[in-house]
Protein backbone atom coordinates (compact mmCIF):
# COMPACT_ATOMS: atom_id res chain seq x y z
CA UNK A 1 30.69 -7.23 31.69
CA UNK A 2 27.38 -8.48 30.27
CA UNK A 3 27.38 -12.28 30.52
CA UNK A 4 24.95 -12.49 27.60
CA UNK A 5 27.21 -10.58 25.19
CA UNK A 6 30.57 -11.64 23.76
CA UNK A 7 33.11 -9.20 25.19
CA UNK A 8 34.97 -8.23 21.98
CA UNK A 9 32.58 -9.16 19.17
CA UNK A 10 29.72 -7.48 21.07
CA UNK A 11 27.13 -10.01 19.85
CA UNK A 12 24.72 -12.17 21.82
CA UNK A 13 25.90 -15.57 23.01
CA UNK A 14 22.69 -17.39 22.09
CA UNK A 15 23.01 -17.20 18.28
CA UNK A 16 24.07 -20.85 17.86
CA UNK A 17 25.76 -20.74 14.45
CA UNK A 18 28.13 -23.46 13.19
CA UNK A 19 29.72 -21.87 10.11
CA UNK A 20 31.77 -18.70 9.73
CA UNK A 21 33.60 -16.71 7.08
CA UNK A 22 36.46 -14.60 8.42
CA UNK A 23 37.88 -11.69 6.42
CA UNK A 24 40.50 -9.53 8.04
CA UNK A 25 39.21 -6.18 6.83
CA UNK A 26 35.85 -5.00 8.29
CA UNK A 27 35.23 -3.34 4.94
CA UNK A 28 35.01 -6.74 3.27
CA UNK A 29 32.23 -8.04 5.50
CA UNK A 30 29.39 -6.41 3.57
CA UNK A 31 30.95 -7.45 0.25
CA UNK A 32 30.90 -11.06 1.38
CA UNK A 33 27.41 -10.68 2.83
CA UNK A 34 26.11 -9.84 -0.65
CA UNK A 35 26.67 -13.51 -1.56
CA UNK A 36 24.69 -15.06 1.30
CA UNK A 37 20.97 -15.03 2.06
CA UNK A 38 19.19 -12.53 4.33
CA UNK A 39 22.27 -10.82 5.82
CA UNK A 40 21.70 -8.79 9.00
CA UNK A 41 24.30 -6.67 10.80
CA UNK A 42 24.82 -7.91 14.35
CA UNK A 43 27.51 -5.57 15.65
CA UNK A 44 30.50 -3.46 14.72
CA UNK A 45 32.99 -3.12 17.57
CA UNK A 46 36.68 -2.24 17.25
CA UNK A 47 38.01 -4.29 14.29
CA UNK A 48 35.18 -6.81 14.59
CA UNK A 49 32.20 -6.38 12.27
CA UNK A 50 29.69 -9.26 12.25
CA UNK A 51 26.84 -10.07 9.88
CA UNK A 52 24.52 -13.06 10.23
CA UNK A 53 22.85 -14.69 7.24
CA UNK A 54 22.41 -18.12 5.74
CA UNK A 55 23.52 -20.45 2.97
CA UNK A 56 20.99 -23.07 1.87
CA UNK A 57 19.04 -22.55 5.07
CA UNK A 58 22.07 -22.97 7.37
CA UNK A 59 23.08 -20.00 9.50
CA UNK A 60 26.42 -18.43 8.60
CA UNK A 61 28.22 -15.60 10.38
CA UNK A 62 30.72 -13.30 8.71
CA UNK A 63 33.12 -11.68 11.19
CA UNK A 64 36.17 -9.53 10.46
CA UNK A 65 39.26 -10.36 12.49
CA UNK A 66 41.34 -7.22 12.03
CA UNK A 67 45.09 -7.33 11.39
CA UNK A 68 47.31 -10.02 12.87
CA UNK A 69 47.13 -13.07 15.07
CA UNK A 70 45.98 -11.66 18.43
CA UNK A 71 42.71 -10.17 17.16
CA UNK A 72 42.11 -13.15 14.84
CA UNK A 73 42.47 -15.53 17.78
CA UNK A 74 40.08 -13.44 19.89
CA UNK A 75 37.49 -13.49 17.13
CA UNK A 76 37.71 -17.25 16.69
CA UNK A 77 37.65 -17.94 20.43
CA UNK A 78 34.45 -15.93 20.81
CA UNK A 79 32.86 -17.46 17.70
CA UNK A 80 33.60 -20.88 19.17
CA UNK A 81 31.58 -19.87 22.23
CA UNK A 82 28.49 -19.42 20.04
CA UNK A 83 28.86 -22.78 18.33
CA UNK A 84 31.11 -22.15 15.33
CA UNK A 85 32.82 -25.38 14.23
CA UNK A 86 33.74 -24.56 10.63
CA UNK A 87 35.58 -21.50 9.28
CA UNK A 88 37.00 -20.19 6.05
CA UNK A 89 39.36 -17.24 6.14
CA UNK A 90 39.32 -14.86 3.18
CA UNK A 91 42.44 -12.74 3.05
CA UNK A 92 45.12 -11.06 1.01
CA UNK A 93 48.80 -11.82 0.76
CA UNK A 94 52.05 -10.98 -0.96
CA UNK A 95 53.25 -13.79 -3.20
CA UNK A 96 56.81 -15.07 -2.81
CA UNK A 97 57.36 -17.52 -5.67
CA UNK A 98 58.15 -16.21 -9.16
CA UNK A 99 55.33 -18.17 -10.83
CA UNK A 100 52.59 -16.47 -8.79
CA UNK A 101 51.21 -13.25 -10.25
CA UNK A 102 48.89 -10.65 -8.69
CA UNK A 103 45.31 -11.85 -8.89
CA UNK A 104 46.19 -15.51 -8.40
CA UNK A 105 44.54 -17.40 -5.56
CA UNK A 106 46.43 -19.29 -2.88
CA UNK A 107 44.84 -22.05 -0.80
CA UNK A 108 47.13 -22.77 2.17
CA UNK A 109 47.59 -26.33 3.36
CA UNK A 110 49.61 -25.01 6.31
CA UNK A 111 51.33 -21.88 7.60
CA UNK A 112 54.78 -21.06 8.93
CA UNK A 113 54.30 -19.95 12.54
CA UNK A 114 56.52 -16.84 12.40
CA UNK A 115 54.18 -14.99 14.76
CA UNK A 116 53.56 -14.93 18.47
CA UNK A 117 49.92 -15.82 19.04
CA UNK A 118 50.10 -19.50 18.17
CA UNK A 119 52.98 -19.98 20.63
CA UNK A 120 50.51 -19.38 23.46
CA UNK A 121 48.39 -22.28 22.18
CA UNK A 122 50.79 -24.99 21.04
CA UNK A 123 54.49 -25.89 21.16
CA UNK A 124 56.36 -24.51 18.17
CA UNK A 125 56.86 -28.04 16.82
CA UNK A 126 53.10 -28.35 16.21
CA UNK A 127 52.14 -27.54 12.60
CA UNK A 128 49.55 -24.90 11.77
CA UNK A 129 47.68 -26.97 9.21
CA UNK A 130 44.39 -26.58 7.37
CA UNK A 131 41.53 -29.07 7.49
CA UNK A 132 41.72 -31.47 4.54
CA UNK A 133 38.01 -31.24 3.68
CA UNK A 134 38.19 -27.45 3.63
CA UNK A 135 41.22 -27.48 1.33
CA UNK A 136 39.47 -29.89 -1.05
CA UNK A 137 36.29 -27.78 -1.09
CA UNK A 138 38.27 -24.60 -1.81
CA UNK A 139 40.28 -26.26 -4.58
CA UNK A 140 37.10 -27.61 -6.18
CA UNK A 141 35.49 -24.17 -5.99
CA UNK A 142 38.54 -22.49 -7.53
CA UNK A 143 38.51 -25.01 -10.39
CA UNK A 144 34.80 -24.46 -11.04
CA UNK A 145 35.38 -20.71 -11.28
CA UNK A 146 38.38 -21.16 -13.57
CA UNK A 147 40.80 -19.48 -11.17
CA UNK A 148 44.54 -19.76 -11.29
CA UNK A 149 45.23 -21.23 -7.87
CA UNK A 150 48.18 -22.57 -5.89
CA UNK A 151 48.17 -24.89 -2.87
CA UNK A 152 50.92 -25.16 -0.30
CA UNK A 153 52.49 -23.44 2.67
CA UNK A 154 52.26 -19.72 3.47
CA UNK A 155 54.17 -17.63 6.00
CA UNK A 156 52.38 -15.83 8.82
CA UNK A 157 54.24 -12.92 10.40
CA UNK A 158 53.58 -10.18 12.95
CA UNK A 159 55.29 -7.23 11.28
CA UNK A 160 54.15 -5.90 7.90
CA UNK A 161 57.07 -3.48 7.72
CA UNK A 162 59.49 -6.14 8.89
CA UNK A 163 58.79 -7.75 5.55
CA UNK A 164 58.66 -4.66 3.38
CA UNK A 165 61.42 -2.62 5.03
CA UNK A 166 63.63 -5.26 6.71
CA UNK A 167 66.77 -3.18 6.19
CA UNK A 168 65.42 -0.58 8.65
CA UNK A 169 65.09 -3.09 11.48
CA UNK A 170 67.81 -3.86 14.05
CA UNK A 171 67.18 -7.57 13.34
CA UNK A 172 67.38 -7.15 9.56
CA UNK A 173 69.94 -9.96 9.34
CA UNK A 174 67.41 -12.44 10.75
CA UNK A 175 64.44 -11.16 8.75
CA UNK A 176 66.31 -11.34 5.44
CA UNK A 177 67.83 -14.72 6.18
CA UNK A 178 64.50 -16.29 7.09
CA UNK A 179 62.72 -14.67 4.14
CA UNK A 180 65.18 -16.33 1.79
CA UNK A 181 64.80 -19.61 3.66
CA UNK A 182 61.03 -19.56 3.15
CA UNK A 183 61.49 -18.89 -0.56
CA UNK A 184 64.01 -21.72 -0.84
CA UNK A 185 61.53 -24.01 0.92
CA UNK A 186 58.81 -23.19 -1.60
CA UNK A 187 56.63 -21.06 0.67
CA UNK A 188 54.00 -19.46 -1.55
CA UNK A 189 53.11 -16.18 0.13
CA UNK A 190 53.27 -14.01 3.22
CA UNK A 191 50.33 -12.81 5.33
CA UNK A 192 49.47 -12.23 8.99
CA UNK A 193 46.59 -14.35 10.35
CA UNK A 194 46.49 -17.90 9.02
CA UNK A 195 48.93 -19.59 11.42
CA UNK A 196 47.08 -18.23 14.44
CA UNK A 197 43.67 -19.23 13.08
CA UNK A 198 44.78 -22.74 12.13
CA UNK A 199 46.38 -23.28 15.55
CA UNK A 200 43.39 -21.99 17.49
CA UNK A 201 41.15 -24.10 15.26
CA UNK A 202 43.12 -27.25 16.13
CA UNK A 203 42.96 -26.34 19.81
CA UNK A 204 39.17 -25.92 19.74
CA UNK A 205 38.52 -28.77 17.25
CA UNK A 206 37.28 -26.43 14.54
CA UNK A 207 37.58 -27.26 10.84
CA UNK A 208 39.52 -24.42 9.23
CA UNK A 209 40.38 -23.46 5.68
CA UNK A 210 41.73 -20.35 4.02
CA UNK A 211 41.79 -18.71 0.62
CA UNK A 212 44.12 -15.81 -0.12
CA UNK A 213 44.18 -13.27 -2.94
CA UNK A 214 47.68 -12.32 -4.08
CA UNK A 215 47.87 -8.53 -4.18
CA UNK A 216 51.46 -8.33 -5.42
CA UNK A 217 54.73 -10.23 -5.65
CA UNK A 218 57.79 -8.32 -4.45
CA UNK A 219 60.10 -11.05 -5.73
CA UNK A 220 58.81 -10.63 -9.27
CA UNK A 221 59.16 -6.86 -8.90
CA UNK A 222 62.77 -7.27 -7.73
CA UNK A 223 63.38 -9.38 -10.83
CA UNK A 224 62.16 -6.51 -13.04
CA UNK A 225 58.67 -7.81 -13.75
CA UNK A 226 56.17 -4.94 -13.65
CA UNK A 227 52.90 -6.57 -12.59
CA UNK A 228 49.97 -4.32 -11.67
CA UNK A 229 48.73 -4.62 -8.09
CA UNK A 230 45.41 -6.51 -7.97
CA UNK A 231 42.90 -5.43 -5.28
CA UNK A 232 39.80 -7.10 -6.78
CA UNK A 233 38.76 -9.83 -4.34
CA UNK A 234 35.33 -10.52 -5.84
CA UNK A 235 36.15 -13.87 -7.39
CA UNK A 236 38.09 -14.94 -4.29
CA UNK A 237 35.04 -14.16 -2.18
CA UNK A 238 32.82 -16.18 -4.51
CA UNK A 239 35.21 -19.11 -4.32
CA UNK A 240 35.07 -19.09 -0.52
CA UNK A 241 31.27 -18.82 -0.36
CA UNK A 242 30.85 -21.63 -2.89
CA UNK A 243 33.27 -23.81 -0.94
CA UNK A 244 31.38 -23.23 2.30
CA UNK A 245 28.15 -24.03 0.49
CA UNK A 246 29.64 -27.38 -0.56
CA UNK A 247 30.79 -28.08 3.00
CA UNK A 248 27.33 -27.30 4.35
CA UNK A 249 25.76 -29.54 1.70
CA UNK A 250 28.07 -32.42 2.59
CA UNK A 251 27.42 -31.97 6.32
CA UNK A 252 23.66 -32.04 5.74
CA UNK A 253 23.84 -35.03 3.41
CA UNK A 254 22.71 -33.13 0.33
């Protein structure tokens, strides 16, 4: 192992960058990079693609985390080693409440820890919560862009098909019961990384926020509402970049 290179991200340890944007999909890294200054590809290894650039003169790294909590936690742990103290996750989700339509934006204040990664960081009683300043910056950015947004709790899971095909699983009784419980509790959407990222962020004293793009809503579909799936994340990306710009400005006293 090269002691000067991060083992999984495959980037040098001496970058010293304090701000990061974390998409899940490596294919979104370059799309996000188009909204920052002077982007340069650092590495592409496994699910981790990293680009370094800047916002208002402050270095910013964009790193994909892949699918699920384990790889997201690895990415954040290694980013922490190069100085990252502030992150915004950009992701997608499936909405769960009837009033949320595809294309809406969700800004999580916390996440249900229905995954395994966070359990190796904190007791299950500990909440996976977002940083207040990050939530406020993301809400302000969404308002400025005229987005339809929702704030509240999301569910983080480990099995995509456990959600979408629960009847095929030997534990279908538990999956269906808990899914209905989350809906009854007002949980906004389901995704796969936020709980792990928020918990790791608390462990490492990192400020963390998240903005999610609702691709679909299976509950609306089950109710007979035929909404088109929405894969256009451009405005969600802009909202995240603008929010990070505001955070950087506040940190630098601008």
